[in-house]
Protein backbone atom coordinates (compact mmCIF):
# COMPACT_ATOMS: atom_id res chain seq x y z
CA MET A 1 101.56 165.63 66.11
CA SER A 2 101.55 162.56 62.38
CA LEU A 3 98.77 160.39 61.96
CA ASP A 4 101.13 157.24 63.61
CA LEU A 5 101.39 158.93 66.59
CA LEU A 6 97.46 160.39 66.60
CA ALA A 7 96.52 156.56 65.76
CA ASN A 8 99.01 154.70 68.33
CA ALA A 9 96.89 157.96 71.22
CA TYR A 10 94.07 157.04 70.51
CA HIS A 11 94.55 153.31 70.43
CA GLU A 12 96.03 153.63 73.85
CA GLN A 13 92.82 155.48 74.61
CA LEU A 14 90.73 152.48 73.53
CA ILE A 15 92.36 149.47 75.50
CA ASN A 16 92.94 151.60 78.53
CA ASN A 17 89.20 152.56 78.74
CA ASP A 18 87.18 148.91 80.36
CA LYS A 19 83.76 149.93 78.57
CA ALA A 20 84.87 150.70 75.37
CA MET A 21 86.55 148.07 74.83
CA GLU A 22 83.61 146.47 76.25
CA HIS A 23 81.48 147.87 73.17
CA PHE A 24 84.03 146.76 70.99
CA THR A 25 84.05 143.26 71.77
CA SER A 26 80.21 143.44 72.19
CA LYS A 27 80.28 143.43 68.53
CA GLY A 28 82.75 140.86 67.15
CA VAL A 29 85.96 142.95 67.71
CA THR A 30 88.23 141.04 69.86
CA ARG A 31 91.64 142.74 71.92
CA GLU A 32 93.56 141.14 69.41
CA LEU A 33 91.49 142.69 65.88
CA VAL A 34 91.82 146.14 67.90
CA GLU A 35 95.39 145.46 69.04
CA GLU A 36 96.17 143.80 65.13
CA PHE A 37 94.66 147.21 63.08
CA ARG A 38 95.62 149.43 66.04
CA LEU A 39 91.96 150.70 66.78
CA GLY A 40 90.58 153.77 69.07
CA ALA A 41 88.42 155.62 70.66
CA VAL A 42 89.01 159.34 70.79
CA LEU A 43 88.01 159.40 74.69
CA GLU A 44 90.22 162.65 75.86
CA PRO A 45 90.79 164.99 71.57
CA GLN A 46 94.30 165.37 71.42
CA LYS A 47 93.54 168.22 68.95
CA GLU A 48 90.91 170.71 69.66
CA GLU A 49 89.80 170.19 66.12
CA HIS A 50 89.00 166.72 67.22
CA GLU A 51 86.39 167.52 70.00
CA PRO A 52 83.41 166.98 67.71
CA TYR A 53 84.68 163.36 67.40
CA ARG A 54 84.72 162.37 70.95
CA GLU A 55 83.97 159.66 72.10
CA LEU A 56 83.57 158.53 68.53
CA PRO A 57 86.12 155.11 67.44
CA THR A 58 88.71 155.46 65.57
CA PHE A 59 90.03 153.81 62.41
CA PRO A 60 93.77 154.66 60.85
CA TYR A 61 94.11 153.32 57.84
CA TRP A 62 98.08 151.94 57.62
CA ASN A 63 100.58 151.74 54.58
CA VAL A 64 103.47 148.98 54.70
CA LYS A 65 105.55 152.01 53.22
CA ASP A 66 104.33 155.00 54.33
CA GLY A 67 102.71 154.30 58.21
CA CYS A 68 98.97 155.41 59.19
CA THR A 69 98.12 157.43 56.09
CA MET A 70 94.15 158.53 57.05
CA ILE A 71 92.67 158.27 60.31
CA ARG A 72 88.38 158.16 59.35
CA THR A 73 85.79 157.96 62.93
CA GLY A 74 81.88 156.63 63.13
CA GLY A 75 79.97 154.29 63.94
CA PHE A 76 80.34 151.97 67.07
CA MET A 77 78.68 155.52 68.74
CA LEU A 78 79.55 156.62 72.38
CA ASP A 79 76.42 158.76 73.03
CA ARG A 80 77.09 161.93 75.51
CA VAL A 81 75.94 160.70 78.85
CA GLY A 82 79.30 157.70 78.34
CA LYS A 83 76.78 154.52 77.81
CA TRP A 84 77.80 152.86 74.12
CA ARG A 85 75.17 152.66 71.36
CA ALA A 86 75.81 150.56 68.06
CA GLY A 87 76.18 153.41 64.99
CA VAL A 88 76.23 152.54 61.67
CA MET A 89 79.90 151.60 60.84
CA GLU A 90 79.28 152.82 57.04
CA HIS A 91 79.01 155.76 58.24
CA LEU A 92 82.20 156.99 59.16
CA PHE A 93 84.03 160.66 59.00
CA PRO A 94 88.00 161.77 58.39
CA ILE A 95 90.19 163.10 61.14
CA GLY A 96 91.96 165.45 58.74
CA ASP A 97 92.58 165.55 55.43
CA TYR A 98 90.50 162.71 53.44
CA ASP A 99 91.87 160.92 50.79
CA VAL A 100 89.84 157.85 48.42
CA GLN A 101 91.83 154.91 50.07
CA LEU A 102 91.33 150.87 50.10
CA TYR A 103 90.73 149.85 53.89
CA ASN A 104 93.37 147.23 55.42
CA VAL A 105 94.66 146.55 51.69
CA GLY A 106 98.66 146.89 54.33
CA HIS A 107 97.47 143.98 55.86
CA SER A 108 95.84 141.74 53.47
CA LEU A 109 97.74 142.04 49.77
CA PRO A 110 101.20 141.81 50.29
CA GLY A 111 103.32 138.31 52.42
CA LEU A 112 100.08 136.42 52.97
CA ARG A 113 99.91 132.30 51.46
CA THR A 114 96.79 132.39 50.30
CA ASN A 115 95.50 134.22 47.33
CA LYS A 116 91.89 134.40 48.36
CA VAL A 117 90.51 138.65 48.97
CA ILE A 118 87.18 140.14 50.16
CA LEU A 119 86.09 143.43 49.09
CA ALA A 120 83.46 144.72 51.24
CA ASN A 121 82.02 148.33 51.74
CA ASP A 122 82.12 148.56 55.23
CA ILE A 123 84.96 147.98 57.99
CA HIS A 124 83.25 145.95 60.42
CA THR A 125 82.84 143.19 58.50
CA VAL A 126 86.54 143.20 57.25
CA LEU A 127 87.61 143.20 61.06
CA LEU A 128 85.43 140.61 61.39
CA LEU A 129 86.29 138.04 58.68
CA ARG A 130 89.70 138.95 59.80
CA GLY A 131 88.84 137.54 63.09
CA GLU A 132 87.80 134.74 61.08
CA GLY A 133 90.76 134.52 59.14
CA TYR A 134 89.71 135.53 55.76
CA ARG A 135 91.75 137.84 54.16
CA ALA A 136 89.51 140.56 53.50
CA VAL A 137 90.01 144.81 52.30
CA GLY A 138 87.42 147.25 52.76
CA VAL A 139 86.12 149.35 49.60
CA PRO A 140 85.04 152.96 50.71
CA GLY A 141 81.60 152.62 48.57
CA TYR A 142 81.88 150.68 44.89
CA GLN A 143 81.43 153.85 43.32
CA ASN A 144 84.65 155.36 44.30
CA TRP A 145 86.40 152.33 43.18
CA GLN A 146 89.91 153.40 41.42
CA ARG A 147 90.84 151.60 38.20
CA PRO A 148 94.59 151.24 39.10
CA TRP A 149 93.82 149.49 41.92
CA VAL A 150 92.38 146.43 39.62
CA GLU A 151 96.61 146.10 39.93
CA LEU A 152 96.46 145.50 43.91
CA PHE A 153 94.82 141.81 43.13
CA THR A 154 96.31 140.64 39.62
CA ASN A 155 96.71 137.75 41.25
CA SER A 156 94.22 137.78 43.57
CA ASP A 157 90.82 135.38 43.75
CA VAL A 158 88.74 138.03 44.25
CA THR A 159 84.63 138.07 46.31
CA MET A 160 83.02 141.09 46.98
CA ILE A 161 80.48 141.56 49.30
CA VAL A 162 77.42 142.86 48.02
CA THR A 163 74.03 144.58 49.62
CA PRO A 164 71.20 145.32 47.33
CA LEU A 165 71.51 149.04 47.95
CA GLU A 166 70.17 151.40 45.47
CA ASP A 167 72.93 151.17 42.15
CA GLU A 168 75.05 148.83 44.62
CA PRO A 169 75.17 145.88 42.71
CA VAL A 170 76.04 147.97 39.26
CA ASN A 171 78.61 149.55 40.41
CA ALA A 172 79.50 146.12 41.57
CA GLN A 173 79.64 144.42 38.24
CA LYS A 174 81.75 147.02 36.62
CA ILE A 175 84.48 146.89 38.54
CA LEU A 176 84.08 142.90 38.17
CA ASP A 177 84.10 143.76 34.53
CA LEU A 178 87.66 145.15 35.32
CA PHE A 179 89.00 142.32 37.25
CA HIS A 180 87.61 139.94 34.46
CA LYS A 181 89.34 141.94 31.36
CA ARG A 182 92.33 141.26 33.52
CA ASN A 183 91.99 138.03 33.89
CA ILE A 184 91.51 138.28 37.64
CA SER A 185 89.09 135.37 39.16
CA SER A 186 86.81 137.13 40.37
CA ARG A 187 82.86 137.06 41.44
CA MET A 188 79.84 138.36 43.37
CA ARG A 189 78.05 137.71 46.51
CA LEU A 190 74.48 139.64 46.33
CA LEU A 191 73.04 139.72 49.74
CA ASP A 192 69.16 139.15 50.07
CA SER A 193 68.89 141.80 52.27
CA SER A 194 70.43 145.24 53.30
CA ARG A 195 71.54 144.11 56.43
CA THR A 196 76.10 144.00 56.50
CA LEU A 197 77.35 140.58 55.89
CA ALA A 198 78.75 142.04 59.90
CA GLU A 199 75.73 142.14 61.69
CA ARG A 200 74.42 139.25 60.18
CA MET A 201 77.92 137.39 61.24
CA LEU A 202 77.03 138.21 64.77
CA ASP A 203 73.76 137.01 64.79
CA ASP A 204 74.49 133.64 63.37
CA GLU A 205 72.52 134.28 60.21
CA VAL A 206 74.99 133.02 57.54
CA ASN A 207 77.65 130.67 56.81
CA VAL A 208 80.39 132.86 56.05
CA GLN A 209 82.29 129.79 54.55
CA GLU A 210 79.31 128.51 52.21
CA LEU A 211 78.57 132.24 51.36
CA LEU A 212 82.42 132.92 49.89
CA ALA A 213 82.64 129.38 48.53
CA ILE A 214 85.92 129.61 50.10
CA GLY A 215 87.59 125.58 50.95
């Protein structure tokens, strides 16, 4: 089964399970976002090797040219008796082969009228920002940034969301330096705690427009 078919199969499982959908919406991930990103859930594993991922959500990585290039799972976890519990969105695991990729780059960069792009370390934040009308791209840890990715943002105005965890600000600054060398307008927004922007948005603890300084 191709990754496209696999992603769509788990997407269908999610949208046809009311309990799973209720959990996603409780985390600010609307049905519209589920449909746009083809999010899913491994409720009935399509392959024997997917059994360890049972009751976990799926986050397909889509590319305009190649379709689904990777699926990761984790966060928004179900326990084994079928009750949803909140997971940590950063702890994602690949289904099948893993490659370091940007999340949502296919949706966010080509063909949109605004050149403003937000980079975030967690998919939950990317989804909620998209729900608010922003263009957001997920980075698999700023320490994993690949130099060729800079070229994707040549004509963009970039804002990086950074938490004060370990070396994250240092790694984010290195990326900013790369952007600045290419004369790409960019800046860092350092959060004052380890809580993700998505968590703060859910608790109405932040004015996103003020934080991002985007009109």
